[in-house]
Amino acid sequence: MDVTVIPNASLVGVISGIKRQIDILVDARWEEGLSRRIIYDAKLRKRKLDVTDVEAFEGLMRDVGATRGVLVCAAGWSQAAEARAEELIDIRLLPVEELDEFEHAAMESCPNCNHIKKSLRGMVFWDGQFPLPLTGWAIIFTGKCDVCRYFAFWCWDCGEKKVVPDDVIHECGCGRTWFVGCNADEKVFVVRTEDGEVPIDRYPLR
């Protein structure tokens, strides 16, 4: 993967036709012809981000052709803002104290999209580390594809990475079962172990 990182970038919006300022611009390219643009926007303010801030950022992403966006929030965010960002999938809200540990390139080609033309295939964005509360603990990563929009997991115990469609139940090499459940308001990605079921990721339905 080849990555270009540009701080305080200026791009002409494809929709607006005017120059748009971007705090950090990341362009990532792969040999297979895939590319993704990620933008970071830092909000240094006293008030929490609200849902209009998230929607305005999503508009900026569309204007500059970004497929992933990270909003760095000094004062946190409202529950409505968090729900909107989760619904959009491609936006991540990040507290300032986690910025140094955030890996903007934590993504890879989605195996579920292999039947699609290469340039249109999705990428799995790994949202982050989830410590599974078992004896001695276990580390997994969860993520979502930006095209097929299915959940994915990366189990560090057996090393398996897998995209799990909504209607599939998958058992990894550790004997853990991964599946998607639904309720009235959201889809929930669940892992079942001998100790019970643990929700590890969510996707709001409204």
Protein backbone atom coordinates (compact mmCIF):
# COMPACT_ATOMS: atom_id res chain seq x y z
CA MET A 1 0.00 0.00 0.00
CA ASP A 2 1.20 3.50 -0.89
CA VAL A 3 -0.02 6.29 1.41
CA THR A 4 0.19 10.06 0.96
CA VAL A 5 -0.55 12.21 4.02
CA ILE A 6 -1.12 15.96 3.55
CA PRO A 7 -1.80 18.26 6.52
CA ASN A 8 -3.93 21.38 5.98
CA ALA A 9 -4.83 20.32 2.45
CA SER A 10 -6.96 22.32 0.01
CA LEU A 11 -9.14 20.58 -2.57
CA VAL A 12 -11.72 21.87 -5.03
CA GLY A 13 -15.02 20.16 -4.27
CA VAL A 14 -16.48 18.11 -7.11
CA ILE A 15 -20.01 19.15 -6.08
CA SER A 16 -19.51 22.71 -4.80
CA GLY A 17 -16.74 23.75 -7.20
CA ILE A 18 -15.03 25.74 -4.44
CA LYS A 19 -11.86 25.14 -2.42
CA ARG A 20 -12.39 23.05 0.71
CA GLN A 21 -9.91 23.04 3.60
CA ILE A 22 -9.04 19.65 5.13
CA ASP A 23 -7.03 19.33 8.34
CA ILE A 24 -5.38 16.06 7.25
CA LEU A 25 -5.81 14.35 3.88
CA VAL A 26 -4.79 10.70 3.48
CA ASP A 27 -4.79 9.09 0.03
CA ALA A 28 -4.13 5.33 0.09
CA ARG A 29 -3.50 3.22 -3.01
CA TRP A 30 -3.00 -0.52 -3.55
CA GLU A 31 -1.39 -2.44 -6.41
CA GLU A 32 -4.75 -3.98 -7.30
CA GLY A 33 -5.98 -0.57 -8.46
CA LEU A 34 -7.96 0.13 -5.29
CA SER A 35 -7.76 3.55 -3.70
CA ARG A 36 -9.36 5.24 -0.72
CA ARG A 37 -9.36 8.84 0.48
CA ILE A 38 -9.58 9.54 4.21
CA ILE A 39 -10.02 12.98 5.73
CA TYR A 40 -9.49 14.13 9.31
CA ASP A 41 -11.20 17.17 10.82
CA ALA A 42 -10.28 18.42 14.29
CA LYS A 43 -12.95 20.22 16.30
CA LEU A 44 -11.28 22.25 19.06
CA ARG A 45 -14.29 23.72 20.82
CA LYS A 46 -15.91 23.75 24.24
CA ARG A 47 -19.28 22.33 23.21
CA LYS A 48 -19.95 18.74 22.22
CA LEU A 49 -20.40 17.81 18.58
CA ASP A 50 -24.03 17.41 17.60
CA VAL A 51 -25.78 15.64 14.74
CA THR A 52 -25.54 18.67 12.43
CA ASP A 53 -21.74 18.62 12.75
CA VAL A 54 -21.65 14.97 11.66
CA GLU A 55 -23.97 15.64 8.71
CA ALA A 56 -21.92 18.67 7.62
CA PHE A 57 -18.77 16.53 7.73
CA GLU A 58 -20.47 13.86 5.65
CA GLY A 59 -21.25 16.53 3.07
CA LEU A 60 -17.59 17.57 3.01
CA MET A 61 -16.59 13.93 2.48
CA ARG A 62 -18.87 13.64 -0.55
CA ASP A 63 -17.62 16.95 -1.95
CA VAL A 64 -13.94 15.89 -1.85
CA GLY A 65 -14.47 12.22 -2.72
CA ALA A 66 -13.53 10.78 0.67
CA THR A 67 -14.66 7.26 1.55
CA ARG A 68 -13.67 7.51 5.20
CA GLY A 69 -13.74 10.39 7.65
CA VAL A 70 -12.42 10.91 11.17
CA LEU A 71 -13.76 13.69 13.39
CA VAL A 72 -11.42 14.44 16.28
CA CYS A 73 -13.47 15.88 19.12
CA ALA A 74 -11.92 17.83 21.98
CA ALA A 75 -15.16 18.10 23.97
CA GLY A 76 -16.84 14.81 23.03
CA TRP A 77 -20.13 14.36 21.21
CA SER A 78 -23.85 13.93 21.77
CA GLN A 79 -25.66 10.59 21.61
CA ALA A 80 -27.44 11.76 18.45
CA ALA A 81 -24.09 12.55 16.81
CA GLU A 82 -22.76 9.11 17.71
CA ALA A 83 -25.86 7.38 16.34
CA ARG A 84 -25.62 9.33 13.08
CA ALA A 85 -21.93 8.51 12.65
CA GLU A 86 -22.61 4.81 13.27
CA GLU A 87 -25.42 4.84 10.72
CA LEU A 88 -23.16 6.35 8.07
CA ILE A 89 -20.44 3.71 8.85
CA ASP A 90 -17.74 5.71 7.06
CA ILE A 91 -17.39 8.33 9.82
CA ARG A 92 -15.41 7.71 13.00
CA LEU A 93 -15.68 9.96 16.07
CA LEU A 94 -12.39 10.01 17.97
CA PRO A 95 -11.51 11.54 21.35
CA VAL A 96 -8.29 13.60 21.33
CA GLU A 97 -6.61 11.28 23.84
CA GLU A 98 -6.92 8.33 21.42
CA LEU A 99 -5.54 10.16 18.39
CA ASP A 100 -1.92 9.00 18.78
CA GLU A 101 -3.01 5.35 18.88
CA PHE A 102 -5.45 5.50 15.95
CA GLU A 103 -4.28 3.69 12.83
CA HIS A 104 -5.74 5.40 9.77
CA ALA A 105 -4.55 2.59 7.49
CA ALA A 106 -6.30 -0.20 9.43
CA MET A 107 -8.21 -1.42 6.42
CA GLU A 108 -8.00 -4.06 3.73
CA SER A 109 -9.85 -5.39 0.71
CA CYS A 110 -13.21 -7.01 1.54
CA PRO A 111 -13.27 -10.72 0.54
CA ASN A 112 -17.06 -10.61 0.35
CA CYS A 113 -16.81 -8.15 -2.57
CA ASN A 114 -14.52 -10.32 -4.73
CA HIS A 115 -17.22 -10.77 -7.37
CA ILE A 116 -17.34 -7.00 -7.99
CA LYS A 117 -15.05 -5.18 -10.44
CA LYS A 118 -11.73 -4.47 -8.69
CA SER A 119 -12.03 -0.70 -8.72
CA LEU A 120 -15.48 -0.93 -7.09
CA ARG A 121 -14.72 -3.52 -4.41
CA GLY A 122 -15.24 -2.63 -0.79
CA MET A 123 -12.71 -2.18 1.97
CA VAL A 124 -13.07 -3.44 5.53
CA PHE A 125 -12.29 -0.64 7.98
CA TRP A 126 -11.19 -2.10 11.31
CA ASP A 127 -12.89 0.03 13.94
CA GLY A 128 -10.64 -1.02 16.77
CA GLN A 129 -9.65 -3.48 19.40
CA PHE A 130 -12.25 -5.24 21.53
CA PRO A 131 -11.10 -7.17 24.65
CA LEU A 132 -13.38 -10.18 24.94
CA PRO A 133 -14.08 -10.90 28.64
CA LEU A 134 -13.01 -14.53 28.82
CA THR A 135 -10.64 -16.30 31.20
CA GLY A 136 -7.36 -14.51 30.61
CA TRP A 137 -9.10 -12.23 28.10
CA ALA A 138 -8.96 -12.47 24.31
CA ILE A 139 -8.37 -9.75 21.72
CA ILE A 140 -10.49 -9.32 18.62
CA PHE A 141 -10.96 -6.53 16.10
CA THR A 142 -14.28 -5.64 14.54
CA GLY A 143 -15.01 -3.71 11.38
CA LYS A 144 -17.44 -3.02 8.55
CA CYS A 145 -17.15 -3.00 4.76
CA ASP A 146 -17.86 0.34 3.10
CA VAL A 147 -19.54 -1.30 0.07
CA CYS A 148 -21.42 -4.45 1.14
CA ARG A 149 -21.69 -2.92 4.66
CA TYR A 150 -21.43 -6.28 6.44
CA PHE A 151 -19.71 -6.78 9.78
CA ALA A 152 -16.27 -8.38 9.97
CA PHE A 153 -14.11 -9.83 12.74
CA TRP A 154 -10.41 -10.53 13.24
CA CYS A 155 -9.78 -13.11 15.96
CA TRP A 156 -6.26 -12.88 17.33
CA ASP A 157 -6.36 -16.31 18.98
CA CYS A 158 -6.80 -18.29 15.76
CA GLY A 159 -5.81 -15.51 13.36
CA GLU A 160 -8.99 -15.75 11.30
CA LYS A 161 -10.42 -12.70 9.51
CA LYS A 162 -13.93 -13.02 8.16
CA VAL A 163 -16.77 -10.92 6.79
CA VAL A 164 -20.07 -12.25 8.14
CA PRO A 165 -23.17 -11.45 6.03
CA ASP A 166 -26.41 -10.83 7.89
CA ASP A 167 -27.83 -14.30 7.16
CA VAL A 168 -24.67 -16.31 7.94
CA ILE A 169 -23.54 -18.02 11.15
CA HIS A 170 -19.78 -18.61 11.19
CA GLU A 171 -17.58 -20.59 13.57
CA CYS A 172 -13.91 -19.57 13.72
CA GLY A 173 -10.93 -21.77 14.53
CA CYS A 174 -11.36 -21.07 18.25
CA GLY A 175 -14.85 -22.58 18.23
CA ARG A 176 -16.46 -19.17 18.71
CA THR A 177 -19.66 -18.51 16.77
CA TRP A 178 -20.18 -15.17 15.01
CA PHE A 179 -23.55 -13.95 13.77
CA VAL A 180 -25.76 -10.88 13.29
CA GLY A 181 -28.93 -10.33 15.30
CA CYS A 182 -31.58 -7.68 14.78
CA ASN A 183 -34.02 -5.82 16.94
CA ALA A 184 -36.34 -2.92 16.20
CA ASP A 185 -33.63 -0.26 16.24
CA GLU A 186 -30.32 -1.87 15.23
CA LYS A 187 -28.34 -4.78 13.90
CA VAL A 188 -25.97 -6.27 16.47
CA PHE A 189 -22.83 -8.30 15.72
CA VAL A 190 -22.56 -11.06 18.33
CA VAL A 191 -19.93 -13.61 19.29
CA ARG A 192 -21.03 -16.72 21.17
CA THR A 193 -18.52 -18.50 23.40
CA GLU A 194 -18.84 -21.20 26.04
CA ASP A 195 -19.35 -18.36 28.54
CA GLY A 196 -22.34 -16.90 26.68
CA GLU A 197 -23.09 -14.31 24.00
CA VAL A 198 -21.31 -10.94 23.79
CA PRO A 199 -22.41 -8.06 21.50
CA ILE A 200 -19.28 -6.58 19.91
CA ASP A 201 -20.52 -4.12 17.26
CA ARG A 202 -23.72 -2.34 16.27
CA TYR A 203 -25.37 -0.79 13.24
CA PRO A 204 -28.36 1.51 13.90
CA LEU A 205 -31.32 0.92 11.62
CA ARG A 206 -32.82 4.34 12.25
